[in-house]
Amino acid sequence: MSRPHYVVHESGARDPRLEKLGIPAKIITMAVEAGEAEARQCTDNDPLMARGFIRYFRTVRVLREGAAPLGWGKDNPRNLARTLSPDRKVAIVTALGDERTGDPGAQPSTKYHKGPMMLQAVGDNVQLELFTLPEQDPQDEHATATWILLYHLGTDEIRYELSLPVATTGGRLSGWQERILFAPLPREPQAHLNLPPEEFPRDIDILVARR
């Protein structure tokens, strides 16, 4: 299900909104750049999914390292890697987006379906949306709004955004209450390496069975 009414922050409106969330734009950009730089070290001798995993790991790590001096923390409920604001009202999770990512005139979605923890987080966002106007922070001291650092790997650029999901389609995040768009990052092609299309790790949920 798509949502026709949502807020898109671009250029001049972006930084004030990020400041209210407590995360500077440069930290988001550094994380995406670090993931790209690390993934580019892979060759065709790496395992098939190496670049996707390495990009994801480094993006999350640099996001956390950049936000830590500002008091941000982290947790990993059922392996959902969250970066948490000091008051735990904001969580950031990284995900690969489709080709509409970063396009203000389109509704992007995650490239892959997400696991139960992420879908539960979207459900929590919907509950917060019912009682919170756009651009306001959650009033419930125990509520956490889960934002997605969504990025798409184009041939010559990376498009990315920090967005608040409130709807899903077929297990993919597809509807948004707010989208904060960033200028695309240039990306040099690596066609000479003859690498396969980059894959990305799905959410991992651990099932514990009694013996």
N, C-alpha and C. Protein backbone atom coordinates (compact mmCIF):
# COMPACT_ATOMS: atom_id res chain seq x y z
N MET A 1 0.85 -1.20 0.00
CA MET A 1 0.00 0.00 0.00
C MET A 1 0.88 1.24 0.00
N SER A 2 0.66 2.18 -0.90
CA SER A 2 1.42 3.42 -0.94
C SER A 2 0.64 4.51 -0.22
N ARG A 3 1.35 5.53 0.19
CA ARG A 3 0.72 6.62 0.92
C ARG A 3 0.94 7.90 0.13
N PRO A 4 -0.11 8.56 -0.36
CA PRO A 4 0.05 9.71 -1.23
C PRO A 4 0.49 10.97 -0.50
N HIS A 5 0.29 11.07 0.80
CA HIS A 5 0.58 12.30 1.53
C HIS A 5 1.75 12.07 2.49
N TYR A 6 2.86 12.71 2.21
CA TYR A 6 4.00 12.61 3.10
C TYR A 6 4.89 13.83 2.89
N VAL A 7 5.84 14.03 3.78
CA VAL A 7 6.70 15.20 3.75
C VAL A 7 8.05 14.82 3.15
N VAL A 8 8.52 15.61 2.19
CA VAL A 8 9.84 15.40 1.60
C VAL A 8 10.70 16.62 1.91
N HIS A 9 11.83 16.38 2.54
CA HIS A 9 12.76 17.46 2.87
C HIS A 9 13.93 17.42 1.89
N GLU A 10 14.18 18.54 1.20
CA GLU A 10 15.30 18.64 0.28
C GLU A 10 16.12 19.88 0.60
N SER A 11 17.35 19.90 0.14
CA SER A 11 18.27 21.04 0.22
C SER A 11 18.12 21.81 1.53
N GLY A 12 17.60 23.03 1.48
CA GLY A 12 17.57 23.89 2.65
C GLY A 12 16.73 23.36 3.80
N ALA A 13 15.72 22.57 3.51
CA ALA A 13 14.86 22.03 4.57
C ALA A 13 15.46 20.79 5.22
N ARG A 14 16.48 20.22 4.60
CA ARG A 14 17.03 18.96 5.08
C ARG A 14 17.75 19.11 6.42
N ASP A 15 18.70 20.04 6.48
CA ASP A 15 19.55 20.14 7.67
C ASP A 15 18.78 20.51 8.93
N PRO A 16 17.82 21.45 8.88
CA PRO A 16 17.05 21.73 10.09
C PRO A 16 16.30 20.51 10.61
N ARG A 17 15.78 19.68 9.69
CA ARG A 17 15.06 18.48 10.15
C ARG A 17 16.03 17.49 10.76
N LEU A 18 17.20 17.31 10.16
CA LEU A 18 18.20 16.41 10.72
C LEU A 18 18.68 16.91 12.08
N GLU A 19 18.82 18.22 12.21
CA GLU A 19 19.24 18.79 13.50
C GLU A 19 18.22 18.45 14.58
N LYS A 20 16.94 18.49 14.22
CA LYS A 20 15.91 18.15 15.20
C LYS A 20 15.98 16.68 15.58
N LEU A 21 16.36 15.83 14.63
CA LEU A 21 16.53 14.40 14.93
C LEU A 21 17.82 14.14 15.69
N GLY A 22 18.76 15.09 15.65
CA GLY A 22 20.01 14.94 16.39
C GLY A 22 21.11 14.25 15.64
N ILE A 23 21.03 14.20 14.29
CA ILE A 23 22.05 13.53 13.50
C ILE A 23 22.45 14.44 12.33
N PRO A 24 23.68 14.95 12.30
CA PRO A 24 24.10 15.83 11.21
C PRO A 24 24.17 15.11 9.87
N ALA A 25 23.95 15.85 8.79
CA ALA A 25 24.00 15.27 7.45
C ALA A 25 25.35 14.65 7.15
N LYS A 26 26.43 15.27 7.64
CA LYS A 26 27.77 14.77 7.30
C LYS A 26 28.00 13.36 7.84
N ILE A 27 27.37 13.00 8.96
CA ILE A 27 27.54 11.65 9.50
C ILE A 27 26.85 10.63 8.61
N ILE A 28 25.67 10.96 8.12
CA ILE A 28 24.97 10.07 7.20
C ILE A 28 25.79 9.88 5.93
N THR A 29 26.29 10.98 5.38
CA THR A 29 27.07 10.92 4.14
C THR A 29 28.36 10.14 4.34
N MET A 30 29.04 10.37 5.46
CA MET A 30 30.28 9.63 5.75
C MET A 30 30.03 8.13 5.79
N ALA A 31 28.91 7.73 6.36
CA ALA A 31 28.60 6.30 6.46
C ALA A 31 28.40 5.68 5.08
N VAL A 32 27.66 6.37 4.22
CA VAL A 32 27.42 5.86 2.87
C VAL A 32 28.72 5.83 2.08
N GLU A 33 29.54 6.87 2.20
CA GLU A 33 30.83 6.91 1.51
C GLU A 33 31.74 5.78 1.99
N ALA A 34 31.75 5.52 3.29
CA ALA A 34 32.61 4.47 3.83
C ALA A 34 32.19 3.10 3.32
N GLY A 35 30.88 2.87 3.24
CA GLY A 35 30.40 1.60 2.71
C GLY A 35 30.82 1.39 1.27
N GLU A 36 30.74 2.46 0.47
CA GLU A 36 31.15 2.38 -0.93
C GLU A 36 32.64 2.11 -1.05
N ALA A 37 33.45 2.84 -0.26
CA ALA A 37 34.91 2.66 -0.33
C ALA A 37 35.31 1.24 0.04
N GLU A 38 34.67 0.69 1.06
CA GLU A 38 35.02 -0.66 1.50
C GLU A 38 34.58 -1.70 0.47
N ALA A 39 33.39 -1.52 -0.08
CA ALA A 39 32.89 -2.48 -1.07
C ALA A 39 33.74 -2.49 -2.33
N ARG A 40 34.35 -1.35 -2.65
CA ARG A 40 35.17 -1.27 -3.86
C ARG A 40 36.48 -2.03 -3.73
N GLN A 41 36.81 -2.47 -2.54
CA GLN A 41 38.02 -3.27 -2.37
C GLN A 41 37.80 -4.71 -2.81
N CYS A 42 36.55 -5.10 -3.00
CA CYS A 42 36.26 -6.48 -3.41
C CYS A 42 36.64 -6.71 -4.87
N THR A 43 36.98 -7.95 -5.18
CA THR A 43 37.27 -8.35 -6.55
C THR A 43 36.40 -9.55 -6.90
N ASP A 44 36.58 -10.07 -8.11
CA ASP A 44 35.79 -11.23 -8.50
C ASP A 44 36.25 -12.50 -7.80
N ASN A 45 37.29 -12.41 -6.96
CA ASN A 45 37.72 -13.56 -6.16
C ASN A 45 36.99 -13.64 -4.83
N ASP A 46 36.25 -12.59 -4.48
CA ASP A 46 35.47 -12.63 -3.25
C ASP A 46 34.21 -13.47 -3.45
N PRO A 47 33.65 -14.00 -2.35
CA PRO A 47 32.36 -14.70 -2.45
C PRO A 47 31.29 -13.79 -3.06
N LEU A 48 30.28 -14.40 -3.63
CA LEU A 48 29.28 -13.67 -4.40
C LEU A 48 28.65 -12.52 -3.62
N MET A 49 28.32 -12.74 -2.34
CA MET A 49 27.61 -11.72 -1.57
C MET A 49 28.54 -10.85 -0.74
N ALA A 50 29.85 -10.96 -0.96
CA ALA A 50 30.81 -10.24 -0.12
C ALA A 50 30.60 -8.74 -0.15
N ARG A 51 30.44 -8.17 -1.35
CA ARG A 51 30.32 -6.71 -1.43
C ARG A 51 29.10 -6.20 -0.69
N GLY A 52 27.97 -6.90 -0.80
CA GLY A 52 26.77 -6.44 -0.11
C GLY A 52 26.93 -6.47 1.40
N PHE A 53 27.50 -7.57 1.91
CA PHE A 53 27.71 -7.66 3.35
C PHE A 53 28.72 -6.63 3.83
N ILE A 54 29.84 -6.52 3.11
CA ILE A 54 30.90 -5.58 3.52
C ILE A 54 30.38 -4.15 3.50
N ARG A 55 29.64 -3.79 2.47
CA ARG A 55 29.07 -2.44 2.40
C ARG A 55 28.15 -2.18 3.60
N TYR A 56 27.28 -3.14 3.88
CA TYR A 56 26.35 -3.00 4.99
C TYR A 56 27.09 -2.87 6.32
N PHE A 57 28.04 -3.77 6.56
CA PHE A 57 28.78 -3.75 7.83
C PHE A 57 29.48 -2.41 8.03
N ARG A 58 30.18 -1.93 6.98
CA ARG A 58 30.94 -0.69 7.15
C ARG A 58 30.03 0.52 7.27
N THR A 59 28.93 0.54 6.55
CA THR A 59 28.00 1.67 6.66
C THR A 59 27.46 1.78 8.08
N VAL A 60 27.04 0.66 8.64
CA VAL A 60 26.51 0.66 10.01
C VAL A 60 27.59 1.08 11.00
N ARG A 61 28.77 0.53 10.85
CA ARG A 61 29.85 0.84 11.79
C ARG A 61 30.19 2.33 11.78
N VAL A 62 30.37 2.92 10.60
CA VAL A 62 30.76 4.33 10.52
C VAL A 62 29.62 5.24 10.99
N LEU A 63 28.38 4.85 10.72
CA LEU A 63 27.25 5.61 11.25
C LEU A 63 27.30 5.63 12.77
N ARG A 64 27.53 4.48 13.38
CA ARG A 64 27.58 4.40 14.84
C ARG A 64 28.78 5.15 15.40
N GLU A 65 29.93 5.02 14.75
CA GLU A 65 31.12 5.71 15.24
C GLU A 65 30.97 7.22 15.12
N GLY A 66 30.34 7.69 14.05
CA GLY A 66 30.14 9.12 13.88
C GLY A 66 29.14 9.70 14.85
N ALA A 67 28.12 8.90 15.19
CA ALA A 67 27.06 9.39 16.08
C ALA A 67 27.40 9.24 17.56
N ALA A 68 28.33 8.35 17.88
CA ALA A 68 28.66 8.07 19.28
C ALA A 68 29.09 9.31 20.07
N PRO A 69 29.95 10.20 19.52
CA PRO A 69 30.33 11.40 20.28
C PRO A 69 29.15 12.32 20.60
N LEU A 70 28.05 12.15 19.88
CA LEU A 70 26.85 12.96 20.14
C LEU A 70 25.92 12.29 21.13
N GLY A 71 26.37 11.16 21.70
CA GLY A 71 25.57 10.47 22.70
C GLY A 71 24.71 9.35 22.17
N TRP A 72 24.80 9.07 20.87
CA TRP A 72 24.01 7.99 20.29
C TRP A 72 24.58 6.64 20.72
N GLY A 73 23.69 5.66 20.83
CA GLY A 73 24.09 4.32 21.20
C GLY A 73 23.67 3.32 20.14
N LYS A 74 23.57 2.07 20.54
CA LYS A 74 23.22 1.03 19.58
C LYS A 74 22.63 -0.17 20.30
N ASP A 75 21.87 -0.96 19.56
CA ASP A 75 21.47 -2.28 20.00
C ASP A 75 21.20 -3.12 18.76
N ASN A 76 20.95 -4.42 18.98
CA ASN A 76 20.80 -5.35 17.86
C ASN A 76 19.70 -6.37 18.16
N PRO A 77 18.45 -5.93 18.34
CA PRO A 77 17.40 -6.89 18.67
C PRO A 77 17.19 -7.88 17.52
N ARG A 78 17.41 -9.16 17.83
CA ARG A 78 17.29 -10.22 16.82
C ARG A 78 18.07 -9.86 15.55
N ASN A 79 19.27 -9.32 15.76
CA ASN A 79 20.20 -8.98 14.68
C ASN A 79 19.74 -7.82 13.80
N LEU A 80 18.77 -7.04 14.23
CA LEU A 80 18.41 -5.81 13.53
C LEU A 80 19.31 -4.71 14.09
N ALA A 81 20.30 -4.30 13.31
CA ALA A 81 21.32 -3.35 13.79
C ALA A 81 20.74 -1.94 13.84
N ARG A 82 20.48 -1.45 15.05
CA ARG A 82 19.91 -0.12 15.23
C ARG A 82 20.94 0.82 15.83
N THR A 83 20.95 2.06 15.32
CA THR A 83 21.72 3.14 15.92
C THR A 83 20.70 4.04 16.62
N LEU A 84 20.89 4.28 17.92
CA LEU A 84 19.85 4.88 18.76
C LEU A 84 20.24 6.26 19.27
N SER A 85 19.31 7.20 19.19
CA SER A 85 19.53 8.53 19.73
C SER A 85 19.67 8.46 21.25
N PRO A 86 20.25 9.49 21.87
CA PRO A 86 20.46 9.46 23.32
C PRO A 86 19.19 9.20 24.12
N ASP A 87 18.05 9.72 23.67
CA ASP A 87 16.79 9.50 24.39
C ASP A 87 16.03 8.27 23.89
N ARG A 88 16.62 7.55 22.94
CA ARG A 88 16.05 6.33 22.37
C ARG A 88 14.72 6.58 21.64
N LYS A 89 14.47 7.82 21.26
CA LYS A 89 13.25 8.12 20.51
C LYS A 89 13.43 7.93 19.01
N VAL A 90 14.69 7.85 18.57
CA VAL A 90 14.99 7.68 17.15
C VAL A 90 15.94 6.51 16.97
N ALA A 91 15.61 5.61 16.07
CA ALA A 91 16.51 4.52 15.68
C ALA A 91 16.75 4.62 14.18
N ILE A 92 17.98 4.33 13.75
CA ILE A 92 18.31 4.32 12.32
C ILE A 92 18.76 2.92 11.93
N VAL A 93 18.16 2.40 10.87
CA VAL A 93 18.49 1.08 10.33
C VAL A 93 18.85 1.26 8.86
N THR A 94 19.83 0.53 8.38
CA THR A 94 20.29 0.64 7.00
C THR A 94 19.63 -0.41 6.11
N ALA A 95 19.25 0.00 4.90
CA ALA A 95 18.64 -0.94 3.95
C ALA A 95 18.91 -0.51 2.52
N LEU A 96 19.00 -1.47 1.62
CA LEU A 96 19.16 -1.20 0.20
C LEU A 96 17.81 -0.88 -0.42
N GLY A 97 17.74 0.20 -1.20
CA GLY A 97 16.49 0.61 -1.81
C GLY A 97 16.42 0.31 -3.29
N ASP A 98 15.23 0.47 -3.85
CA ASP A 98 15.06 0.25 -5.29
C ASP A 98 15.47 1.50 -6.06
N GLU A 99 15.23 1.49 -7.38
CA GLU A 99 15.70 2.57 -8.25
C GLU A 99 14.99 3.89 -8.00
N ARG A 100 13.90 3.91 -7.24
CA ARG A 100 13.19 5.15 -6.94
C ARG A 100 13.76 5.87 -5.72
N THR A 101 14.71 5.26 -5.06
CA THR A 101 15.35 5.88 -3.89
C THR A 101 15.97 7.22 -4.29
N GLY A 102 15.75 8.24 -3.48
CA GLY A 102 16.32 9.55 -3.74
C GLY A 102 15.56 10.40 -4.73
N ASP A 103 14.49 9.87 -5.30
CA ASP A 103 13.67 10.60 -6.27
C ASP A 103 12.49 11.23 -5.54
N PRO A 104 12.43 12.57 -5.47
CA PRO A 104 11.36 13.21 -4.71
C PRO A 104 9.97 12.99 -5.31
N GLY A 105 9.91 12.63 -6.58
CA GLY A 105 8.62 12.46 -7.23
C GLY A 105 8.14 11.02 -7.28
N ALA A 106 8.83 10.12 -6.60
CA ALA A 106 8.47 8.70 -6.64
C ALA A 106 8.38 8.14 -5.24
N GLN A 107 7.76 6.97 -5.12
CA GLN A 107 7.66 6.27 -3.84
C GLN A 107 8.65 5.11 -3.86
N PRO A 108 9.76 5.22 -3.15
CA PRO A 108 10.73 4.12 -3.14
C PRO A 108 10.27 2.97 -2.25
N SER A 109 10.95 1.86 -2.37
CA SER A 109 10.75 0.74 -1.46
C SER A 109 12.08 0.07 -1.22
N THR A 110 12.16 -0.75 -0.19
CA THR A 110 13.37 -1.54 0.00
C THR A 110 13.45 -2.58 -1.12
N LYS A 111 14.66 -2.93 -1.50
CA LYS A 111 14.84 -3.89 -2.59
C LYS A 111 14.38 -5.28 -2.19
N TYR A 112 14.60 -5.62 -0.93
CA TYR A 112 14.26 -6.96 -0.44
C TYR A 112 13.18 -6.88 0.63
N HIS A 113 12.47 -7.97 0.82
CA HIS A 113 11.49 -8.03 1.91
C HIS A 113 12.25 -8.06 3.24
N LYS A 114 11.62 -7.58 4.27
CA LYS A 114 12.26 -7.43 5.57
C LYS A 114 11.71 -8.46 6.56
N GLY A 115 12.49 -8.66 7.62
CA GLY A 115 12.13 -9.64 8.63
C GLY A 115 11.12 -9.13 9.63
N PRO A 116 10.67 -10.00 10.55
CA PRO A 116 9.63 -9.64 11.51
C PRO A 116 9.97 -8.43 12.38
N MET A 117 11.22 -8.28 12.80
CA MET A 117 11.58 -7.15 13.66
C MET A 117 11.40 -5.83 12.93
N MET A 118 11.79 -5.78 11.65
CA MET A 118 11.64 -4.55 10.90
C MET A 118 10.18 -4.25 10.62
N LEU A 119 9.42 -5.28 10.30
CA LEU A 119 7.99 -5.07 10.07
C LEU A 119 7.28 -4.63 11.34
N GLN A 120 7.72 -5.15 12.48
CA GLN A 120 7.16 -4.70 13.76
C GLN A 120 7.49 -3.24 14.00
N ALA A 121 8.70 -2.83 13.64
CA ALA A 121 9.10 -1.43 13.81
C ALA A 121 8.23 -0.51 12.96
N VAL A 122 7.89 -0.95 11.75
CA VAL A 122 6.99 -0.15 10.90
C VAL A 122 5.62 -0.03 11.56
N GLY A 123 5.14 -1.13 12.14
CA GLY A 123 3.87 -1.08 12.85
C GLY A 123 3.91 -0.10 14.01
N ASP A 124 5.04 -0.06 14.72
CA ASP A 124 5.19 0.90 15.81
C ASP A 124 5.19 2.33 15.27
N ASN A 125 5.83 2.54 14.11
CA ASN A 125 5.82 3.87 13.49
C ASN A 125 4.40 4.32 13.17
N VAL A 126 3.59 3.39 12.69
CA VAL A 126 2.20 3.71 12.36
C VAL A 126 1.45 4.16 13.61
N GLN A 127 1.66 3.47 14.72
CA GLN A 127 1.01 3.86 15.97
C GLN A 127 1.45 5.25 16.40
N LEU A 128 2.74 5.56 16.23
CA LEU A 128 3.23 6.89 16.57
C LEU A 128 2.62 7.94 15.65
N GLU A 129 2.45 7.58 14.37
CA GLU A 129 1.90 8.52 13.39
C GLU A 129 0.48 8.93 13.76
N LEU A 130 -0.26 8.05 14.38
CA LEU A 130 -1.64 8.34 14.73
C LEU A 130 -1.74 9.45 15.77
N PHE A 131 -0.67 9.63 16.54
CA PHE A 131 -0.72 10.60 17.64
C PHE A 131 0.31 11.71 17.50
N THR A 132 1.08 11.71 16.39
CA THR A 132 2.14 12.69 16.21
C THR A 132 2.05 13.30 14.83
N LEU A 133 2.08 14.62 14.73
CA LEU A 133 2.07 15.29 13.44
C LEU A 133 3.44 15.17 12.79
N PRO A 134 3.51 15.23 11.44
CA PRO A 134 4.81 15.20 10.76
C PRO A 134 5.74 16.28 11.31
N GLU A 135 7.01 15.96 11.38
CA GLU A 135 8.08 16.85 11.85
C GLU A 135 8.07 17.05 13.36
N GLN A 136 7.15 16.38 14.08
CA GLN A 136 7.20 16.38 15.53
C GLN A 136 7.85 15.10 16.01
N ASP A 137 8.44 15.14 17.18
CA ASP A 137 9.05 13.96 17.76
C ASP A 137 8.02 13.21 18.60
N PRO A 138 8.20 11.89 18.77
CA PRO A 138 7.26 11.12 19.59
C PRO A 138 7.16 11.68 21.00
N GLN A 139 5.93 11.74 21.54
CA GLN A 139 5.73 12.26 22.88
C GLN A 139 5.86 11.18 23.95
N ASP A 140 5.58 9.93 23.60
CA ASP A 140 5.71 8.82 24.53
C ASP A 140 7.19 8.60 24.84
N GLU A 141 7.56 8.68 26.11
CA GLU A 141 8.96 8.57 26.48
C GLU A 141 9.54 7.20 26.16
N HIS A 142 8.70 6.20 25.97
CA HIS A 142 9.18 4.86 25.66
C HIS A 142 9.08 4.53 24.16
N ALA A 143 8.56 5.47 23.35
CA ALA A 143 8.35 5.20 21.93
C ALA A 143 9.64 5.44 21.14
N THR A 144 9.88 4.59 20.16
CA THR A 144 11.04 4.73 19.28
C THR A 144 10.55 4.76 17.84
N ALA A 145 10.87 5.83 17.12
CA ALA A 145 10.56 5.92 15.70
C ALA A 145 11.75 5.37 14.92
N THR A 146 11.51 4.38 14.08
CA THR A 146 12.59 3.74 13.33
C THR A 146 12.69 4.33 11.94
N TRP A 147 13.80 5.01 11.67
CA TRP A 147 14.09 5.60 10.37
C TRP A 147 15.00 4.66 9.58
N ILE A 148 14.91 4.74 8.25
CA ILE A 148 15.70 3.88 7.38
C ILE A 148 16.69 4.72 6.59
N LEU A 149 17.98 4.39 6.71
CA LEU A 149 18.99 4.94 5.81
C LEU A 149 18.93 4.08 4.55
N LEU A 150 18.21 4.58 3.57
CA LEU A 150 17.91 3.83 2.35
C LEU A 150 18.83 4.31 1.24
N TYR A 151 19.50 3.39 0.56
CA TYR A 151 20.37 3.82 -0.55
C TYR A 151 20.25 2.88 -1.73
N HIS A 152 20.46 3.46 -2.90
CA HIS A 152 20.39 2.70 -4.15
C HIS A 152 21.69 2.89 -4.92
N LEU A 153 22.23 1.80 -5.44
CA LEU A 153 23.50 1.82 -6.17
C LEU A 153 23.23 1.93 -7.66
N GLY A 154 23.37 3.15 -8.20
CA GLY A 154 23.24 3.35 -9.63
C GLY A 154 24.56 3.08 -10.33
N THR A 155 24.56 3.16 -11.65
CA THR A 155 25.78 2.91 -12.41
C THR A 155 26.86 3.93 -12.09
N ASP A 156 26.47 5.21 -11.98
CA ASP A 156 27.45 6.26 -11.77
C ASP A 156 27.17 7.12 -10.54
N GLU A 157 26.22 6.72 -9.71
CA GLU A 157 25.94 7.49 -8.50
C GLU A 157 25.24 6.61 -7.46
N ILE A 158 25.32 7.07 -6.21
CA ILE A 158 24.57 6.44 -5.12
C ILE A 158 23.52 7.45 -4.66
N ARG A 159 22.27 7.06 -4.72
CA ARG A 159 21.19 7.92 -4.24
C ARG A 159 20.75 7.40 -2.87
N TYR A 160 20.57 8.31 -1.94
CA TYR A 160 20.25 7.87 -0.58
C TYR A 160 19.38 8.88 0.13
N GLU A 161 18.70 8.40 1.15
CA GLU A 161 17.78 9.22 1.92
C GLU A 161 17.60 8.62 3.31
N LEU A 162 17.18 9.44 4.25
CA LEU A 162 16.82 8.98 5.59
C LEU A 162 15.31 9.16 5.71
N SER A 163 14.59 8.05 5.81
CA SER A 163 13.13 8.13 5.69
C SER A 163 12.43 7.29 6.75
N LEU A 164 11.19 7.70 7.05
CA LEU A 164 10.40 7.09 8.12
C LEU A 164 9.30 6.22 7.51
N PRO A 165 9.43 4.89 7.56
CA PRO A 165 8.44 4.02 6.93
C PRO A 165 7.19 3.83 7.77
N VAL A 166 6.04 3.81 7.09
CA VAL A 166 4.77 3.58 7.78
C VAL A 166 3.87 2.62 7.00
N ALA A 167 4.39 1.97 5.96
CA ALA A 167 3.58 1.02 5.20
C ALA A 167 4.49 0.01 4.52
N THR A 168 3.95 -1.17 4.26
CA THR A 168 4.70 -2.23 3.59
C THR A 168 3.85 -2.84 2.47
N THR A 169 4.54 -3.42 1.51
CA THR A 169 3.89 -4.17 0.43
C THR A 169 4.68 -5.44 0.19
N GLY A 170 4.06 -6.58 0.41
CA GLY A 170 4.74 -7.84 0.19
C GLY A 170 6.00 -8.01 1.02
N GLY A 171 6.00 -7.43 2.22
CA GLY A 171 7.16 -7.54 3.10
C GLY A 171 8.23 -6.49 2.86
N ARG A 172 8.05 -5.66 1.83
CA ARG A 172 8.99 -4.57 1.57
C ARG A 172 8.45 -3.26 2.14
N LEU A 173 9.34 -2.42 2.64
CA LEU A 173 8.92 -1.10 3.12
C LEU A 173 8.61 -0.24 1.91
N SER A 174 7.42 0.34 1.86
CA SER A 174 6.99 0.99 0.62
C SER A 174 6.22 2.29 0.82
N GLY A 175 5.87 2.65 2.05
CA GLY A 175 5.15 3.88 2.32
C GLY A 175 5.87 4.67 3.40
N TRP A 176 5.85 6.00 3.28
CA TRP A 176 6.70 6.83 4.13
C TRP A 176 5.94 8.02 4.67
N GLN A 177 6.21 8.35 5.93
CA GLN A 177 5.64 9.56 6.51
C GLN A 177 6.52 10.76 6.21
N GLU A 178 7.83 10.55 6.27
CA GLU A 178 8.79 11.61 5.95
C GLU A 178 9.95 11.02 5.17
N ARG A 179 10.50 11.83 4.25
CA ARG A 179 11.70 11.45 3.52
C ARG A 179 12.66 12.63 3.53
N ILE A 180 13.89 12.39 3.95
CA ILE A 180 14.94 13.41 3.96
C ILE A 180 15.95 13.02 2.89
N LEU A 181 16.01 13.80 1.80
CA LEU A 181 16.81 13.44 0.64
C LEU A 181 18.18 14.11 0.67
N PHE A 182 19.17 13.38 0.17
CA PHE A 182 20.54 13.87 0.08
C PHE A 182 20.95 13.97 -1.38
N ALA A 183 21.93 14.84 -1.66
CA ALA A 183 22.47 14.92 -3.02
C ALA A 183 23.18 13.61 -3.36
N PRO A 184 23.01 13.08 -4.58
CA PRO A 184 23.66 11.82 -4.94
C PRO A 184 25.18 11.91 -4.83
N LEU A 185 25.80 10.79 -4.50
CA LEU A 185 27.25 10.69 -4.45
C LEU A 185 27.74 10.09 -5.76
N PRO A 186 28.78 10.68 -6.38
CA PRO A 186 29.31 10.09 -7.62
C PRO A 186 29.91 8.72 -7.36
N ARG A 187 29.80 7.86 -8.34
CA ARG A 187 30.29 6.49 -8.20
C ARG A 187 30.94 6.05 -9.51
N GLU A 188 32.18 5.59 -9.43
CA GLU A 188 32.88 5.13 -10.62
C GLU A 188 32.52 3.68 -10.90
N PRO A 189 32.20 3.35 -12.15
CA PRO A 189 31.87 1.96 -12.48
C PRO A 189 33.08 1.06 -12.36
N GLN A 190 32.85 -0.22 -12.09
CA GLN A 190 33.91 -1.21 -11.99
C GLN A 190 33.69 -2.33 -13.01
N ALA A 191 33.26 -1.93 -14.20
CA ALA A 191 32.93 -2.93 -15.22
C ALA A 191 34.13 -3.79 -15.59
N HIS A 192 35.33 -3.23 -15.46
CA HIS A 192 36.52 -3.98 -15.87
C HIS A 192 36.76 -5.21 -14.99
N LEU A 193 36.13 -5.23 -13.80
CA LEU A 193 36.31 -6.37 -12.91
C LEU A 193 35.33 -7.50 -13.22
N ASN A 194 34.33 -7.21 -14.06
CA ASN A 194 33.34 -8.23 -14.42
C ASN A 194 32.66 -8.81 -13.18
N LEU A 195 32.29 -7.93 -12.24
CA LEU A 195 31.64 -8.36 -11.01
C LEU A 195 30.15 -8.60 -11.24
N PRO A 196 29.58 -9.58 -10.55
CA PRO A 196 28.13 -9.81 -10.65
C PRO A 196 27.38 -8.69 -9.94
N PRO A 197 26.08 -8.54 -10.18
CA PRO A 197 25.29 -7.52 -9.47
C PRO A 197 25.45 -7.69 -7.96
N GLU A 198 25.53 -6.56 -7.27
CA GLU A 198 25.77 -6.60 -5.83
C GLU A 198 24.52 -7.06 -5.09
N GLU A 199 24.69 -8.05 -4.25
CA GLU A 199 23.61 -8.53 -3.40
C GLU A 199 23.75 -7.91 -2.02
N PHE A 200 22.68 -7.96 -1.25
CA PHE A 200 22.65 -7.30 0.05
C PHE A 200 22.03 -8.25 1.06
N PRO A 201 22.55 -8.31 2.28
CA PRO A 201 22.00 -9.23 3.27
C PRO A 201 20.59 -8.87 3.69
N ARG A 202 19.72 -9.86 3.75
CA ARG A 202 18.38 -9.66 4.30
C ARG A 202 18.47 -9.55 5.82
N ASP A 203 17.37 -9.14 6.43
CA ASP A 203 17.32 -9.18 7.89
C ASP A 203 17.50 -10.61 8.36
N ILE A 204 18.15 -10.78 9.49
CA ILE A 204 18.37 -12.11 10.05
C ILE A 204 17.59 -12.21 11.34
N ASP A 205 16.78 -13.22 11.46
CA ASP A 205 16.04 -13.49 12.69
C ASP A 205 16.47 -14.84 13.22
N ILE A 206 16.80 -14.88 14.49
CA ILE A 206 17.27 -16.11 15.10
C ILE A 206 16.11 -16.82 15.77
N LEU A 207 15.88 -18.06 15.39
CA LEU A 207 14.83 -18.87 16.01
C LEU A 207 15.47 -19.81 17.01
N VAL A 208 14.97 -19.81 18.22
CA VAL A 208 15.51 -20.67 19.28
C VAL A 208 14.52 -21.79 19.53
N ALA A 209 14.97 -23.02 19.37
CA ALA A 209 14.11 -24.19 19.57
C ALA A 209 14.54 -24.94 20.81
N ARG A 210 13.56 -25.44 21.56
CA ARG A 210 13.87 -26.23 22.74
C ARG A 210 14.36 -27.61 22.33
N ARG A 211 15.32 -28.12 23.05
CA ARG A 211 15.81 -29.48 22.80
C ARG A 211 15.08 -30.48 23.69
